[in-house]
N, C-alpha and C. Protein backbone atom coordinates (compact mmCIF):
# COMPACT_ATOMS: atom_id res chain seq x y z
N UNK A 1 13.49 6.02 13.26
CA UNK A 1 12.22 5.89 12.58
C UNK A 1 11.98 7.16 11.76
N UNK A 2 11.79 7.02 10.45
CA UNK A 2 11.57 8.20 9.62
C UNK A 2 10.18 8.76 9.83
N UNK A 3 9.98 9.92 9.26
CA UNK A 3 8.65 10.50 9.32
C UNK A 3 7.68 9.56 8.61
N UNK A 4 6.47 9.53 9.08
CA UNK A 4 5.45 8.65 8.51
C UNK A 4 5.21 8.99 7.05
N UNK A 5 5.28 10.28 6.71
CA UNK A 5 5.00 10.69 5.34
C UNK A 5 6.02 10.10 4.35
N UNK A 6 7.26 9.94 4.79
CA UNK A 6 8.30 9.38 3.93
C UNK A 6 8.01 7.91 3.64
N UNK A 7 7.62 7.18 4.67
CA UNK A 7 7.31 5.76 4.51
C UNK A 7 6.08 5.57 3.62
N UNK A 8 5.07 6.39 3.82
CA UNK A 8 3.84 6.30 3.03
C UNK A 8 4.13 6.64 1.57
N UNK A 9 4.97 7.63 1.34
CA UNK A 9 5.33 8.03 -0.02
C UNK A 9 6.01 6.87 -0.75
N UNK A 10 6.90 6.18 -0.06
CA UNK A 10 7.60 5.05 -0.68
C UNK A 10 6.63 3.91 -0.98
N UNK A 11 5.65 3.68 -0.11
CA UNK A 11 4.66 2.64 -0.36
C UNK A 11 3.80 2.97 -1.58
N UNK A 12 3.45 4.25 -1.74
CA UNK A 12 2.69 4.68 -2.91
C UNK A 12 3.50 4.46 -4.19
N UNK A 13 4.80 4.74 -4.12
CA UNK A 13 5.66 4.53 -5.27
C UNK A 13 5.73 3.06 -5.64
N UNK A 14 5.78 2.17 -4.64
CA UNK A 14 5.80 0.74 -4.92
C UNK A 14 4.56 0.31 -5.68
N UNK A 15 3.41 0.81 -5.26
CA UNK A 15 2.15 0.48 -5.93
C UNK A 15 2.15 0.98 -7.37
N UNK A 16 2.65 2.20 -7.58
CA UNK A 16 2.72 2.75 -8.94
C UNK A 16 3.66 1.96 -9.83
N UNK A 17 4.78 1.56 -9.28
CA UNK A 17 5.75 0.77 -10.06
C UNK A 17 5.13 -0.55 -10.48
N UNK A 18 4.42 -1.20 -9.56
CA UNK A 18 3.75 -2.47 -9.89
C UNK A 18 2.67 -2.26 -10.95
N UNK A 19 1.94 -1.17 -10.83
CA UNK A 19 0.84 -0.89 -11.76
C UNK A 19 1.35 -0.66 -13.19
N UNK A 20 2.44 0.06 -13.33
CA UNK A 20 2.95 0.44 -14.64
C UNK A 20 4.11 -0.43 -15.12
N UNK A 21 4.45 -1.50 -14.43
CA UNK A 21 5.64 -2.31 -14.76
C UNK A 21 5.57 -2.89 -16.17
N UNK A 22 4.43 -3.44 -16.55
CA UNK A 22 4.31 -4.06 -17.88
C UNK A 22 4.45 -3.02 -18.99
N UNK A 23 3.77 -1.90 -18.82
CA UNK A 23 3.85 -0.84 -19.84
C UNK A 23 5.28 -0.32 -19.95
N UNK A 24 5.91 -0.12 -18.79
CA UNK A 24 7.26 0.41 -18.77
C UNK A 24 8.22 -0.51 -19.53
N UNK A 25 8.11 -1.83 -19.26
CA UNK A 25 8.98 -2.79 -19.95
C UNK A 25 8.70 -2.80 -21.45
N UNK A 26 7.43 -2.75 -21.81
CA UNK A 26 7.04 -2.78 -23.23
C UNK A 26 7.62 -1.57 -23.96
N UNK A 27 7.42 -0.38 -23.41
CA UNK A 27 7.91 0.85 -24.04
C UNK A 27 9.44 0.85 -24.09
N UNK A 28 10.07 0.32 -23.06
CA UNK A 28 11.53 0.30 -23.00
C UNK A 28 12.10 -0.61 -24.10
N UNK A 29 11.46 -1.79 -24.29
CA UNK A 29 11.93 -2.71 -25.33
C UNK A 29 11.74 -2.12 -26.72
N UNK A 30 10.60 -1.44 -26.91
CA UNK A 30 10.32 -0.83 -28.22
C UNK A 30 11.18 0.39 -28.49
N UNK A 31 11.69 1.00 -27.44
CA UNK A 31 12.44 2.23 -27.61
C UNK A 31 11.52 3.43 -27.77
N UNK A 32 10.30 3.30 -27.27
CA UNK A 32 9.30 4.36 -27.39
C UNK A 32 9.47 5.33 -26.22
N UNK A 33 10.39 6.27 -26.37
CA UNK A 33 10.73 7.18 -25.27
C UNK A 33 9.68 8.26 -25.07
N UNK A 34 8.90 8.56 -26.09
CA UNK A 34 7.82 9.54 -25.93
C UNK A 34 6.76 8.99 -24.99
N UNK A 35 6.43 7.71 -25.14
CA UNK A 35 5.44 7.08 -24.26
C UNK A 35 6.00 6.94 -22.84
N UNK A 36 7.29 6.66 -22.74
CA UNK A 36 7.91 6.57 -21.41
C UNK A 36 7.85 7.91 -20.68
N UNK A 37 8.00 9.00 -21.45
CA UNK A 37 7.94 10.34 -20.86
C UNK A 37 6.57 10.64 -20.28
N UNK A 38 5.53 10.05 -20.86
CA UNK A 38 4.17 10.33 -20.42
C UNK A 38 3.76 9.54 -19.17
N UNK A 39 4.54 8.51 -18.82
CA UNK A 39 4.25 7.76 -17.60
C UNK A 39 4.56 8.63 -16.38
N UNK A 40 3.87 8.40 -15.27
CA UNK A 40 4.18 9.17 -14.06
C UNK A 40 5.63 8.95 -13.63
N UNK A 41 6.28 9.98 -13.16
CA UNK A 41 7.69 9.88 -12.79
C UNK A 41 7.89 8.92 -11.62
N UNK A 42 6.91 8.83 -10.72
CA UNK A 42 7.04 7.92 -9.58
C UNK A 42 6.78 6.47 -9.97
N UNK A 43 6.46 6.22 -11.23
CA UNK A 43 6.25 4.85 -11.70
C UNK A 43 7.57 4.21 -12.16
N UNK A 44 8.65 4.96 -12.12
CA UNK A 44 9.94 4.42 -12.51
C UNK A 44 10.56 3.63 -11.36
N UNK A 45 11.06 2.43 -11.62
CA UNK A 45 11.64 1.61 -10.56
C UNK A 45 12.84 2.25 -9.88
N UNK A 46 13.51 3.16 -10.57
CA UNK A 46 14.70 3.82 -10.03
C UNK A 46 14.34 4.69 -8.81
N UNK A 47 13.12 5.16 -8.75
CA UNK A 47 12.73 6.07 -7.68
C UNK A 47 12.37 5.36 -6.38
N UNK A 48 12.35 4.04 -6.40
CA UNK A 48 12.07 3.30 -5.17
C UNK A 48 13.29 3.32 -4.26
N UNK A 49 13.05 3.31 -2.97
CA UNK A 49 14.12 3.28 -1.99
C UNK A 49 14.01 1.99 -1.20
N UNK A 50 15.12 1.28 -1.04
CA UNK A 50 15.11 0.09 -0.20
C UNK A 50 15.00 0.53 1.24
N UNK A 51 14.01 0.02 1.95
CA UNK A 51 13.80 0.39 3.35
C UNK A 51 13.61 -0.85 4.20
N UNK A 52 14.04 -0.75 5.43
CA UNK A 52 13.89 -1.83 6.40
C UNK A 52 12.40 -2.09 6.63
N UNK A 53 11.99 -3.35 6.62
CA UNK A 53 10.58 -3.68 6.79
C UNK A 53 10.13 -3.48 8.23
N UNK A 54 11.10 -3.39 9.13
CA UNK A 54 10.77 -3.28 10.54
C UNK A 54 10.67 -1.84 11.02
N UNK A 55 11.62 -1.00 10.61
CA UNK A 55 11.64 0.38 11.12
C UNK A 55 11.59 1.44 10.01
N UNK A 56 11.60 1.01 8.75
CA UNK A 56 11.54 1.91 7.58
C UNK A 56 12.80 2.74 7.39
N UNK A 57 13.91 2.36 8.01
CA UNK A 57 15.17 3.07 7.82
C UNK A 57 15.71 2.79 6.43
N UNK A 58 16.27 3.82 5.77
CA UNK A 58 16.73 3.68 4.39
C UNK A 58 18.23 3.40 4.30
N UNK A 59 18.98 3.83 5.27
CA UNK A 59 20.43 3.68 5.19
C UNK A 59 20.90 2.44 5.93
N UNK A 60 22.02 1.90 5.51
CA UNK A 60 22.56 0.70 6.14
C UNK A 60 21.66 -0.49 5.93
N UNK A 61 21.18 -0.66 4.70
CA UNK A 61 20.19 -1.68 4.37
C UNK A 61 20.86 -2.94 3.83
N UNK A 62 20.49 -4.11 4.37
CA UNK A 62 20.96 -5.40 3.86
C UNK A 62 19.86 -6.00 2.99
N UNK A 63 20.10 -6.11 1.69
CA UNK A 63 19.09 -6.64 0.77
C UNK A 63 18.70 -8.07 1.08
N UNK A 64 19.68 -8.87 1.45
CA UNK A 64 19.44 -10.29 1.68
C UNK A 64 18.40 -10.53 2.78
N UNK A 65 18.37 -9.64 3.77
CA UNK A 65 17.47 -9.81 4.89
C UNK A 65 16.32 -8.81 4.90
N UNK A 66 16.44 -7.74 4.14
CA UNK A 66 15.41 -6.70 4.11
C UNK A 66 15.40 -5.88 5.38
N UNK A 67 16.54 -5.83 6.05
CA UNK A 67 16.66 -5.12 7.33
C UNK A 67 17.78 -4.09 7.28
N UNK A 68 17.66 -3.08 8.14
CA UNK A 68 18.76 -2.14 8.30
C UNK A 68 19.77 -2.75 9.25
N UNK A 69 20.93 -2.16 9.35
CA UNK A 69 22.01 -2.71 10.15
C UNK A 69 21.64 -2.80 11.64
N UNK A 70 20.86 -1.84 12.11
CA UNK A 70 20.50 -1.79 13.53
C UNK A 70 19.53 -2.92 13.87
N UNK A 71 18.49 -3.07 13.07
CA UNK A 71 17.51 -4.13 13.30
C UNK A 71 18.15 -5.50 13.10
N UNK A 72 19.05 -5.59 12.12
CA UNK A 72 19.76 -6.84 11.87
C UNK A 72 20.54 -7.27 13.12
N UNK A 73 21.27 -6.32 13.70
CA UNK A 73 22.08 -6.63 14.89
C UNK A 73 21.19 -7.04 16.06
N UNK A 74 20.09 -6.32 16.26
CA UNK A 74 19.19 -6.65 17.37
C UNK A 74 18.61 -8.06 17.19
N UNK A 75 18.13 -8.34 15.98
CA UNK A 75 17.50 -9.63 15.73
C UNK A 75 18.52 -10.77 15.78
N UNK A 76 19.73 -10.53 15.29
CA UNK A 76 20.76 -11.55 15.30
C UNK A 76 21.19 -11.86 16.74
N UNK A 77 21.29 -10.84 17.56
CA UNK A 77 21.68 -11.02 18.95
C UNK A 77 20.62 -11.82 19.71
N UNK A 78 19.36 -11.58 19.39
CA UNK A 78 18.26 -12.29 20.06
C UNK A 78 18.01 -13.67 19.46
N UNK A 79 18.70 -13.98 18.36
CA UNK A 79 18.55 -15.29 17.73
C UNK A 79 17.30 -15.42 16.90
N UNK A 80 16.78 -14.32 16.38
CA UNK A 80 15.54 -14.33 15.59
C UNK A 80 15.79 -14.58 14.11
N UNK A 81 17.05 -14.52 13.67
CA UNK A 81 17.38 -14.77 12.27
C UNK A 81 18.04 -16.14 12.20
N UNK A 82 17.42 -17.09 11.51
CA UNK A 82 17.99 -18.44 11.45
C UNK A 82 19.35 -18.47 10.75
N UNK A 83 20.30 -19.18 11.34
CA UNK A 83 21.61 -19.34 10.73
C UNK A 83 22.58 -18.21 11.02
N UNK A 84 22.14 -17.21 11.75
CA UNK A 84 23.01 -16.06 12.06
C UNK A 84 23.23 -16.00 13.56
N UNK A 85 24.50 -15.90 13.94
CA UNK A 85 24.80 -15.69 15.35
C UNK A 85 26.04 -14.81 15.46
N UNK A 86 26.19 -14.19 16.57
CA UNK A 86 27.32 -13.30 16.78
C UNK A 86 28.61 -14.10 16.88
N UNK A 87 29.64 -13.63 16.20
CA UNK A 87 30.93 -14.34 16.21
C UNK A 87 31.63 -14.15 17.54
N UNK A 88 32.25 -15.21 18.00
CA UNK A 88 33.09 -15.11 19.20
C UNK A 88 34.20 -16.13 19.07
N UNK A 89 35.40 -15.74 19.47
CA UNK A 89 36.53 -16.66 19.40
C UNK A 89 37.49 -16.40 20.53
């Protein structure tokens, strides 16, 4: 579990990206780089980090499920993810 401040920071960035998404796309299409420079740096989609929705872990992230590898394994073992089960042969 990461520090709470890291998780909160990422949530703030998500809100900023959503707020400035239309302007960012508009300036990008126009090629107006001066206006892009004036946008807040945390409003850039590149600065977002994919994090597990369950534990906020950033590494070992599966995009398809929105989970880190550890939470994925726990949930798959318990049968909480539909269509996923542990292989055995």
